[in-house]
């Protein structure tokens, strides 16, 4: 669980060579909003909200045990550093307390080194849709695991050309 209902995330200021940074920022913001605008069973909306902080220079996912942390969203254009998962579209690293379950930090890395990520809504122009990827990764960001339901946004696989942005 997050200790607060309003969580800030920051983008790496370098963005990606593959996409317009401002357009990518809109897709990323929409993905976070999808999780705060959902209607809950019995009525009402989710209590969690997200805010985009200023862009930062940090270009890696890390948790600082002795100081402040930033929840960063970044693109890995040159090299995907995770062994055995080159086909992975993105990775969310969540650091939490084993004792309480409190989430202390979450970082999202998008694998643009091995995948063509797109922003289009037009079928046929979509390779791997950034907003679809991000809606899934934000689920991990808030602590949700993969789902066995292949139709769920938290399903562990994604097909090229799909636009899957709905929870």
N, C-alpha and C. Protein backbone atom coordinates (compact mmCIF):
# COMPACT_ATOMS: atom_id res chain seq x y z
N UNK A 1 0.85 -1.18 0.00
CA UNK A 1 0.00 0.00 0.00
C UNK A 1 0.89 1.24 0.00
N UNK A 2 0.37 2.29 -0.61
CA UNK A 2 1.05 3.58 -0.55
C UNK A 2 0.59 4.29 0.72
N UNK A 3 1.47 5.00 1.42
CA UNK A 3 1.10 5.65 2.67
C UNK A 3 0.24 6.91 2.49
N UNK A 4 0.09 7.35 1.27
CA UNK A 4 -0.70 8.53 0.97
C UNK A 4 -1.59 8.24 -0.24
N UNK A 5 -2.67 8.97 -0.38
CA UNK A 5 -3.56 8.73 -1.51
C UNK A 5 -3.18 9.55 -2.73
N UNK A 6 -2.26 10.49 -2.58
CA UNK A 6 -1.77 11.28 -3.72
C UNK A 6 -0.29 10.97 -3.92
N UNK A 7 0.01 10.38 -5.06
CA UNK A 7 1.37 9.91 -5.32
C UNK A 7 1.96 10.68 -6.50
N UNK A 8 3.16 11.15 -6.33
CA UNK A 8 3.84 11.88 -7.39
C UNK A 8 4.76 10.95 -8.17
N UNK A 9 4.82 11.18 -9.48
CA UNK A 9 5.79 10.50 -10.32
C UNK A 9 6.51 11.57 -11.14
N UNK A 10 7.71 11.26 -11.56
CA UNK A 10 8.51 12.19 -12.35
C UNK A 10 9.03 11.48 -13.58
N UNK A 11 9.07 12.17 -14.69
CA UNK A 11 9.65 11.59 -15.90
C UNK A 11 11.11 12.00 -16.02
N UNK A 12 11.88 11.12 -16.63
CA UNK A 12 13.25 11.49 -16.96
C UNK A 12 13.19 12.53 -18.07
N UNK A 13 13.93 13.61 -17.91
CA UNK A 13 13.84 14.74 -18.85
C UNK A 13 14.34 14.41 -20.26
N UNK A 14 15.14 13.34 -20.41
CA UNK A 14 15.64 12.98 -21.73
C UNK A 14 14.58 12.28 -22.58
N UNK A 15 13.55 11.72 -21.91
CA UNK A 15 12.51 11.03 -22.66
C UNK A 15 13.08 9.90 -23.48
N UNK A 16 12.67 9.84 -24.73
CA UNK A 16 13.13 8.80 -25.66
C UNK A 16 13.35 9.42 -27.03
N UNK A 17 14.28 8.85 -27.76
CA UNK A 17 14.52 9.30 -29.14
C UNK A 17 13.40 8.86 -30.06
N UNK A 18 12.56 7.94 -29.60
CA UNK A 18 11.53 7.33 -30.44
C UNK A 18 10.22 8.11 -30.48
N UNK A 19 9.95 8.92 -29.46
CA UNK A 19 8.65 9.58 -29.35
C UNK A 19 8.81 11.04 -28.96
N UNK A 20 7.84 11.86 -29.34
CA UNK A 20 7.79 13.24 -28.89
C UNK A 20 7.53 13.24 -27.38
N UNK A 21 8.36 13.92 -26.62
CA UNK A 21 8.26 13.89 -25.16
C UNK A 21 6.92 14.41 -24.66
N UNK A 22 6.42 15.49 -25.24
CA UNK A 22 5.14 16.03 -24.78
C UNK A 22 3.98 15.09 -25.07
N UNK A 23 4.00 14.44 -26.23
CA UNK A 23 2.95 13.47 -26.55
C UNK A 23 3.06 12.24 -25.65
N UNK A 24 4.28 11.80 -25.37
CA UNK A 24 4.48 10.67 -24.46
C UNK A 24 3.98 11.02 -23.06
N UNK A 25 4.24 12.24 -22.64
CA UNK A 25 3.80 12.72 -21.32
C UNK A 25 2.26 12.64 -21.20
N UNK A 26 1.55 12.97 -22.28
CA UNK A 26 0.09 12.89 -22.28
C UNK A 26 -0.37 11.45 -22.10
N UNK A 27 0.24 10.52 -22.84
CA UNK A 27 -0.12 9.10 -22.72
C UNK A 27 0.18 8.56 -21.33
N UNK A 28 1.30 8.95 -20.77
CA UNK A 28 1.68 8.49 -19.43
C UNK A 28 0.70 9.05 -18.40
N UNK A 29 0.37 10.32 -18.52
CA UNK A 29 -0.61 10.93 -17.61
C UNK A 29 -1.97 10.25 -17.71
N UNK A 30 -2.40 9.91 -18.92
CA UNK A 30 -3.68 9.22 -19.12
C UNK A 30 -3.66 7.85 -18.47
N UNK A 31 -2.52 7.17 -18.52
CA UNK A 31 -2.41 5.84 -17.91
C UNK A 31 -2.55 5.93 -16.39
N UNK A 32 -1.91 6.92 -15.78
CA UNK A 32 -2.06 7.10 -14.34
C UNK A 32 -3.51 7.47 -14.00
N UNK A 33 -4.11 8.34 -14.80
CA UNK A 33 -5.50 8.76 -14.56
C UNK A 33 -6.47 7.60 -14.64
N UNK A 34 -6.19 6.62 -15.50
CA UNK A 34 -7.09 5.48 -15.63
C UNK A 34 -7.31 4.79 -14.28
N UNK A 35 -6.29 4.77 -13.45
CA UNK A 35 -6.39 4.09 -12.16
C UNK A 35 -7.06 4.96 -11.10
N UNK A 36 -7.11 6.26 -11.28
CA UNK A 36 -7.75 7.12 -10.28
C UNK A 36 -9.17 7.50 -10.67
N UNK A 37 -9.55 7.25 -11.91
CA UNK A 37 -10.89 7.61 -12.37
C UNK A 37 -11.81 6.40 -12.49
N UNK A 38 -11.40 5.26 -12.01
CA UNK A 38 -12.21 4.04 -12.11
C UNK A 38 -13.35 4.07 -11.09
N UNK A 39 -14.51 3.61 -11.52
CA UNK A 39 -15.65 3.50 -10.63
C UNK A 39 -15.55 2.19 -9.86
N UNK A 40 -15.68 2.27 -8.57
CA UNK A 40 -15.57 1.09 -7.71
C UNK A 40 -16.93 0.39 -7.60
N UNK A 41 -16.89 -0.89 -7.25
CA UNK A 41 -18.13 -1.63 -6.99
C UNK A 41 -18.90 -0.91 -5.90
N UNK A 42 -20.20 -0.77 -6.07
CA UNK A 42 -21.02 -0.09 -5.08
C UNK A 42 -21.02 1.42 -5.24
N UNK A 43 -20.36 1.93 -6.29
CA UNK A 43 -20.33 3.38 -6.54
C UNK A 43 -19.06 4.02 -6.00
N UNK A 44 -18.91 5.26 -6.30
CA UNK A 44 -17.72 6.00 -5.88
C UNK A 44 -16.55 5.76 -6.83
N UNK A 45 -15.50 6.51 -6.64
CA UNK A 45 -14.31 6.36 -7.46
C UNK A 45 -13.11 6.03 -6.58
N UNK A 46 -12.06 5.61 -7.21
CA UNK A 46 -10.83 5.27 -6.49
C UNK A 46 -10.36 6.46 -5.67
N UNK A 47 -9.76 6.17 -4.54
CA UNK A 47 -9.28 7.24 -3.65
C UNK A 47 -7.84 7.66 -3.97
N UNK A 48 -7.19 6.95 -4.87
CA UNK A 48 -5.79 7.23 -5.20
C UNK A 48 -5.71 8.20 -6.37
N UNK A 49 -4.87 9.20 -6.25
CA UNK A 49 -4.63 10.14 -7.34
C UNK A 49 -3.12 10.24 -7.58
N UNK A 50 -2.78 10.74 -8.75
CA UNK A 50 -1.38 10.85 -9.14
C UNK A 50 -1.11 12.25 -9.65
N UNK A 51 0.10 12.73 -9.41
CA UNK A 51 0.48 14.03 -9.96
C UNK A 51 1.86 13.91 -10.60
N UNK A 52 1.99 14.59 -11.72
CA UNK A 52 3.27 14.61 -12.43
C UNK A 52 4.13 15.72 -11.85
N UNK A 53 5.30 15.34 -11.35
CA UNK A 53 6.24 16.32 -10.84
C UNK A 53 7.13 16.82 -11.98
N UNK A 54 8.06 17.65 -11.64
CA UNK A 54 9.00 18.19 -12.63
C UNK A 54 9.87 17.06 -13.18
N UNK A 55 10.27 17.20 -14.44
CA UNK A 55 11.17 16.23 -15.04
C UNK A 55 12.49 16.23 -14.27
N UNK A 56 13.12 15.06 -14.22
CA UNK A 56 14.37 14.91 -13.48
C UNK A 56 15.46 14.36 -14.39
N UNK A 57 16.70 14.48 -13.96
CA UNK A 57 17.82 14.00 -14.77
C UNK A 57 18.15 12.53 -14.51
N UNK A 58 17.65 11.96 -13.43
CA UNK A 58 17.94 10.56 -13.09
C UNK A 58 17.55 9.64 -14.23
N UNK A 59 18.48 8.80 -14.68
CA UNK A 59 18.24 7.90 -15.81
C UNK A 59 18.32 6.44 -15.38
N UNK A 60 18.03 6.17 -14.10
CA UNK A 60 18.02 4.77 -13.68
C UNK A 60 17.00 4.55 -12.58
N UNK A 61 16.59 3.30 -12.50
CA UNK A 61 15.66 2.88 -11.47
C UNK A 61 16.48 2.54 -10.24
N UNK A 62 16.16 3.17 -9.11
CA UNK A 62 16.92 2.87 -7.90
C UNK A 62 16.12 3.27 -6.67
N UNK A 63 16.44 2.63 -5.55
CA UNK A 63 15.87 2.98 -4.26
C UNK A 63 17.00 3.42 -3.36
N UNK A 64 16.83 4.59 -2.74
CA UNK A 64 17.82 5.14 -1.82
C UNK A 64 17.38 4.82 -0.40
N UNK A 65 18.08 3.93 0.27
CA UNK A 65 17.71 3.51 1.63
C UNK A 65 17.87 4.60 2.66
N UNK A 66 18.76 5.57 2.41
CA UNK A 66 19.06 6.57 3.42
C UNK A 66 18.59 7.98 3.08
N UNK A 67 17.92 8.15 1.97
CA UNK A 67 17.49 9.50 1.60
C UNK A 67 16.18 9.50 0.85
N UNK A 68 15.91 10.63 0.24
CA UNK A 68 14.66 10.80 -0.50
C UNK A 68 14.66 9.95 -1.77
N UNK A 69 13.47 9.60 -2.21
CA UNK A 69 13.31 8.82 -3.43
C UNK A 69 12.33 9.52 -4.36
N UNK A 70 12.49 9.24 -5.64
CA UNK A 70 11.61 9.77 -6.67
C UNK A 70 11.06 8.58 -7.44
N UNK A 71 9.77 8.61 -7.69
CA UNK A 71 9.13 7.57 -8.51
C UNK A 71 9.30 8.00 -9.96
N UNK A 72 10.25 7.39 -10.64
CA UNK A 72 10.62 7.85 -11.98
C UNK A 72 10.04 6.96 -13.07
N UNK A 73 9.63 7.61 -14.16
CA UNK A 73 9.23 6.92 -15.39
C UNK A 73 10.30 7.27 -16.41
N UNK A 74 10.94 6.23 -16.98
CA UNK A 74 12.01 6.50 -17.93
C UNK A 74 12.01 5.49 -19.07
N UNK A 75 12.65 5.89 -20.13
CA UNK A 75 12.77 5.06 -21.33
C UNK A 75 14.21 4.58 -21.44
N UNK A 76 14.39 3.32 -21.79
CA UNK A 76 15.72 2.76 -22.02
C UNK A 76 15.89 2.56 -23.53
N UNK A 77 16.48 3.55 -24.21
CA UNK A 77 16.65 3.51 -25.67
C UNK A 77 17.86 2.69 -26.10
N UNK A 78 18.96 2.80 -25.38
CA UNK A 78 20.22 2.20 -25.83
C UNK A 78 20.35 0.73 -25.46
N UNK A 79 20.04 0.41 -24.22
CA UNK A 79 20.30 -0.95 -23.73
C UNK A 79 19.26 -1.33 -22.70
N UNK A 80 18.76 -2.55 -22.83
CA UNK A 80 17.83 -3.10 -21.83
C UNK A 80 18.68 -3.96 -20.90
N UNK A 81 18.82 -3.55 -19.67
CA UNK A 81 19.77 -4.15 -18.74
C UNK A 81 19.29 -5.40 -18.03
N UNK A 82 18.14 -5.90 -18.37
CA UNK A 82 17.60 -7.05 -17.64
C UNK A 82 17.80 -8.32 -18.44
N UNK A 83 18.59 -9.21 -17.91
CA UNK A 83 18.96 -10.45 -18.56
C UNK A 83 17.76 -11.38 -18.71
N UNK A 84 17.64 -11.99 -19.88
CA UNK A 84 16.62 -12.99 -20.12
C UNK A 84 15.24 -12.46 -20.41
N UNK A 85 15.05 -11.13 -20.44
CA UNK A 85 13.73 -10.58 -20.71
C UNK A 85 13.78 -9.48 -21.77
N UNK A 86 14.55 -9.72 -22.84
CA UNK A 86 14.68 -8.72 -23.90
C UNK A 86 13.35 -8.36 -24.54
N UNK A 87 12.42 -9.30 -24.62
CA UNK A 87 11.12 -9.05 -25.23
C UNK A 87 10.16 -8.33 -24.31
N UNK A 88 10.57 -8.08 -23.09
CA UNK A 88 9.72 -7.38 -22.14
C UNK A 88 9.54 -5.94 -22.59
N UNK A 89 8.30 -5.46 -22.53
CA UNK A 89 8.01 -4.09 -22.96
C UNK A 89 8.37 -3.05 -21.91
N UNK A 90 8.25 -3.41 -20.66
CA UNK A 90 8.55 -2.48 -19.57
C UNK A 90 8.76 -3.27 -18.28
N UNK A 91 9.33 -2.58 -17.30
CA UNK A 91 9.57 -3.20 -16.00
C UNK A 91 9.29 -2.17 -14.92
N UNK A 92 8.50 -2.57 -13.94
CA UNK A 92 8.25 -1.70 -12.79
C UNK A 92 8.92 -2.33 -11.58
N UNK A 93 9.77 -1.55 -10.95
CA UNK A 93 10.46 -1.99 -9.73
C UNK A 93 9.79 -1.31 -8.55
N UNK A 94 9.22 -2.11 -7.66
CA UNK A 94 8.54 -1.59 -6.48
C UNK A 94 9.33 -2.01 -5.25
N UNK A 95 9.67 -1.04 -4.42
CA UNK A 95 10.35 -1.31 -3.16
C UNK A 95 9.35 -1.06 -2.04
N UNK A 96 9.22 -2.05 -1.15
CA UNK A 96 8.24 -1.93 -0.08
C UNK A 96 8.81 -2.52 1.21
N UNK A 97 8.19 -2.18 2.31
CA UNK A 97 8.59 -2.71 3.61
C UNK A 97 8.05 -4.13 3.77
N UNK A 98 8.93 -5.08 4.04
CA UNK A 98 8.51 -6.46 4.30
C UNK A 98 7.65 -6.56 5.56
N UNK A 99 7.86 -5.65 6.49
CA UNK A 99 7.14 -5.70 7.76
C UNK A 99 5.72 -5.15 7.65
N UNK A 100 5.55 -4.06 6.91
CA UNK A 100 4.24 -3.39 6.87
C UNK A 100 3.53 -3.51 5.52
N UNK A 101 4.28 -3.73 4.45
CA UNK A 101 3.69 -3.73 3.10
C UNK A 101 3.64 -2.35 2.48
N UNK A 102 4.11 -1.33 3.19
CA UNK A 102 4.09 0.04 2.68
C UNK A 102 5.03 0.16 1.49
N UNK A 103 4.53 0.73 0.39
CA UNK A 103 5.37 0.97 -0.78
C UNK A 103 6.21 2.21 -0.52
N UNK A 104 7.52 2.07 -0.72
CA UNK A 104 8.47 3.15 -0.45
C UNK A 104 8.92 3.85 -1.73
N UNK A 105 8.89 3.13 -2.85
CA UNK A 105 9.37 3.68 -4.11
C UNK A 105 8.89 2.78 -5.24
N UNK A 106 8.60 3.38 -6.39
CA UNK A 106 8.26 2.59 -7.58
C UNK A 106 8.80 3.33 -8.80
N UNK A 107 9.46 2.60 -9.66
CA UNK A 107 10.04 3.16 -10.87
C UNK A 107 9.61 2.32 -12.07
N UNK A 108 9.28 2.99 -13.17
CA UNK A 108 8.86 2.31 -14.38
C UNK A 108 9.88 2.58 -15.48
N UNK A 109 10.39 1.50 -16.10
CA UNK A 109 11.31 1.61 -17.23
C UNK A 109 10.62 1.02 -18.46
N UNK A 110 10.63 1.76 -19.56
CA UNK A 110 10.03 1.29 -20.81
C UNK A 110 11.16 0.86 -21.75
N UNK A 111 11.04 -0.35 -22.29
CA UNK A 111 12.08 -0.94 -23.13
C UNK A 111 11.93 -0.48 -24.58
N UNK A 112 12.47 0.69 -24.88
CA UNK A 112 12.48 1.20 -26.25
C UNK A 112 13.75 0.78 -26.98
N UNK A 113 14.64 0.07 -26.30
CA UNK A 113 15.85 -0.45 -26.94
C UNK A 113 15.51 -1.63 -27.84
N UNK A 114 14.52 -2.43 -27.47
CA UNK A 114 14.18 -3.65 -28.21
C UNK A 114 12.78 -3.64 -28.81
N UNK A 115 12.01 -2.58 -28.59
CA UNK A 115 10.62 -2.54 -29.03
C UNK A 115 10.29 -1.19 -29.65
N UNK A 116 9.42 -1.20 -30.64
CA UNK A 116 8.92 0.04 -31.24
C UNK A 116 7.65 0.42 -30.51
N UNK A 117 7.73 1.48 -29.73
CA UNK A 117 6.61 1.97 -28.94
C UNK A 117 5.97 3.12 -29.71
N UNK A 118 4.63 3.10 -29.79
CA UNK A 118 3.90 4.09 -30.59
C UNK A 118 2.85 4.80 -29.74
N UNK A 119 2.33 5.90 -30.29
CA UNK A 119 1.33 6.71 -29.60
C UNK A 119 0.00 6.78 -30.35
N UNK A 120 -0.08 6.21 -31.51
CA UNK A 120 -1.25 6.35 -32.37
C UNK A 120 -2.47 5.60 -31.84
N UNK A 121 -3.65 6.13 -32.17
CA UNK A 121 -4.92 5.46 -31.90
C UNK A 121 -5.45 4.76 -33.15
N UNK A 122 -4.73 4.87 -34.25
CA UNK A 122 -5.18 4.34 -35.53
C UNK A 122 -4.72 2.89 -35.71
N UNK A 123 -5.69 1.95 -35.82
CA UNK A 123 -5.29 0.56 -36.06
C UNK A 123 -4.40 0.48 -37.30
N UNK A 124 -3.40 -0.35 -37.26
CA UNK A 124 -2.45 -0.46 -38.36
C UNK A 124 -1.23 0.42 -38.18
N UNK A 125 -1.35 1.46 -37.36
CA UNK A 125 -0.22 2.34 -37.07
C UNK A 125 0.38 2.04 -35.70
N UNK A 126 -0.22 1.10 -34.99
CA UNK A 126 0.20 0.78 -33.63
C UNK A 126 1.13 -0.42 -33.65
N UNK A 127 2.29 -0.27 -33.05
CA UNK A 127 3.17 -1.41 -32.84
C UNK A 127 2.96 -1.85 -31.39
N UNK A 128 3.62 -1.20 -30.45
CA UNK A 128 3.36 -1.41 -29.02
C UNK A 128 2.90 -0.08 -28.46
N UNK A 129 1.65 0.00 -28.07
CA UNK A 129 1.02 1.24 -27.63
C UNK A 129 1.52 1.67 -26.25
N UNK A 130 2.11 2.86 -26.19
CA UNK A 130 2.68 3.35 -24.93
C UNK A 130 1.62 3.43 -23.83
N UNK A 131 0.46 3.99 -24.14
CA UNK A 131 -0.56 4.13 -23.10
C UNK A 131 -1.01 2.77 -22.58
N UNK A 132 -1.17 1.79 -23.46
CA UNK A 132 -1.55 0.44 -23.03
C UNK A 132 -0.48 -0.16 -22.12
N UNK A 133 0.77 -0.01 -22.51
CA UNK A 133 1.88 -0.50 -21.69
C UNK A 133 1.86 0.17 -20.32
N UNK A 134 1.67 1.48 -20.32
CA UNK A 134 1.72 2.24 -19.08
C UNK A 134 0.54 1.94 -18.16
N UNK A 135 -0.67 1.73 -18.70
CA UNK A 135 -1.80 1.38 -17.83
C UNK A 135 -1.46 0.10 -17.06
N UNK A 136 -0.89 -0.87 -17.76
CA UNK A 136 -0.48 -2.13 -17.12
C UNK A 136 0.60 -1.86 -16.06
N UNK A 137 1.61 -1.09 -16.41
CA UNK A 137 2.73 -0.85 -15.48
C UNK A 137 2.30 -0.03 -14.27
N UNK A 138 1.35 0.88 -14.45
CA UNK A 138 0.85 1.63 -13.29
C UNK A 138 0.14 0.69 -12.32
N UNK A 139 -0.48 -0.35 -12.86
CA UNK A 139 -1.05 -1.38 -11.97
C UNK A 139 0.02 -1.96 -11.07
N UNK A 140 1.18 -2.29 -11.64
CA UNK A 140 2.30 -2.79 -10.82
C UNK A 140 2.79 -1.69 -9.86
N UNK A 141 2.84 -0.46 -10.34
CA UNK A 141 3.29 0.70 -9.56
C UNK A 141 2.48 0.82 -8.26
N UNK A 142 1.19 0.47 -8.31
CA UNK A 142 0.36 0.58 -7.11
C UNK A 142 0.28 -0.74 -6.35
N UNK A 143 1.02 -1.76 -6.83
CA UNK A 143 1.14 -2.99 -6.07
C UNK A 143 0.32 -4.17 -6.57
N UNK A 144 -0.21 -4.10 -7.78
CA UNK A 144 -1.04 -5.19 -8.30
C UNK A 144 -0.17 -6.15 -9.12
N UNK A 145 -0.38 -7.44 -8.92
CA UNK A 145 0.37 -8.48 -9.64
C UNK A 145 -0.35 -8.81 -10.95
N UNK A 146 0.23 -9.73 -11.72
CA UNK A 146 -0.39 -10.18 -12.95
C UNK A 146 -1.67 -10.95 -12.66
N UNK A 147 -2.57 -10.95 -13.63
CA UNK A 147 -3.86 -11.65 -13.54
C UNK A 147 -3.84 -12.88 -14.44
N UNK A 148 -4.52 -13.92 -14.04
CA UNK A 148 -4.67 -15.12 -14.88
C UNK A 148 -5.69 -14.90 -15.99
N UNK A 149 -6.50 -13.84 -15.88
CA UNK A 149 -7.51 -13.51 -16.89
C UNK A 149 -6.82 -12.85 -18.08
N UNK A 150 -6.81 -13.51 -19.22
CA UNK A 150 -6.10 -13.00 -20.41
C UNK A 150 -6.71 -11.70 -20.95
N UNK A 151 -7.93 -11.37 -20.54
CA UNK A 151 -8.57 -10.12 -20.99
C UNK A 151 -8.29 -8.95 -20.04
N UNK A 152 -7.75 -9.21 -18.87
CA UNK A 152 -7.51 -8.16 -17.89
C UNK A 152 -6.31 -7.31 -18.30
N UNK A 153 -6.34 -6.05 -17.90
CA UNK A 153 -5.22 -5.15 -18.18
C UNK A 153 -3.94 -5.66 -17.50
N UNK A 154 -4.09 -6.46 -16.44
CA UNK A 154 -2.92 -6.98 -15.73
C UNK A 154 -2.51 -8.37 -16.21
N UNK A 155 -3.02 -8.80 -17.36
CA UNK A 155 -2.57 -10.06 -17.96
C UNK A 155 -1.07 -9.93 -18.27
N UNK A 156 -0.31 -11.01 -18.16
CA UNK A 156 1.14 -10.91 -18.33
C UNK A 156 1.63 -10.79 -19.77
N UNK A 157 0.73 -10.81 -20.75
CA UNK A 157 1.18 -10.70 -22.14
C UNK A 157 0.40 -9.63 -22.88
N UNK A 158 0.98 -9.20 -23.98
CA UNK A 158 0.42 -8.12 -24.79
C UNK A 158 0.81 -8.39 -26.23
N UNK A 159 -0.13 -8.28 -27.14
CA UNK A 159 0.14 -8.55 -28.56
C UNK A 159 0.40 -7.26 -29.32
N UNK A 160 1.38 -7.27 -30.24
CA UNK A 160 1.64 -6.09 -31.04
C UNK A 160 0.37 -5.64 -31.76
N UNK A 161 0.16 -4.34 -31.81
CA UNK A 161 -0.99 -3.78 -32.49
C UNK A 161 -2.20 -3.57 -31.60
N UNK A 162 -2.19 -4.18 -30.41
CA UNK A 162 -3.32 -4.02 -29.48
C UNK A 162 -3.34 -2.64 -28.87
N UNK A 163 -4.54 -2.13 -28.70
CA UNK A 163 -4.77 -0.92 -27.89
C UNK A 163 -5.65 -1.38 -26.75
N UNK A 164 -5.06 -1.48 -25.58
CA UNK A 164 -5.75 -2.02 -24.40
C UNK A 164 -5.52 -1.05 -23.24
N UNK A 165 -6.42 -0.08 -23.14
CA UNK A 165 -6.23 0.99 -22.17
C UNK A 165 -7.26 1.00 -21.06
N UNK A 166 -8.27 0.14 -21.17
CA UNK A 166 -9.37 0.12 -20.19
C UNK A 166 -9.07 -0.86 -19.08
N UNK A 167 -9.43 -0.49 -17.86
CA UNK A 167 -9.27 -1.40 -16.73
C UNK A 167 -10.40 -2.41 -16.76
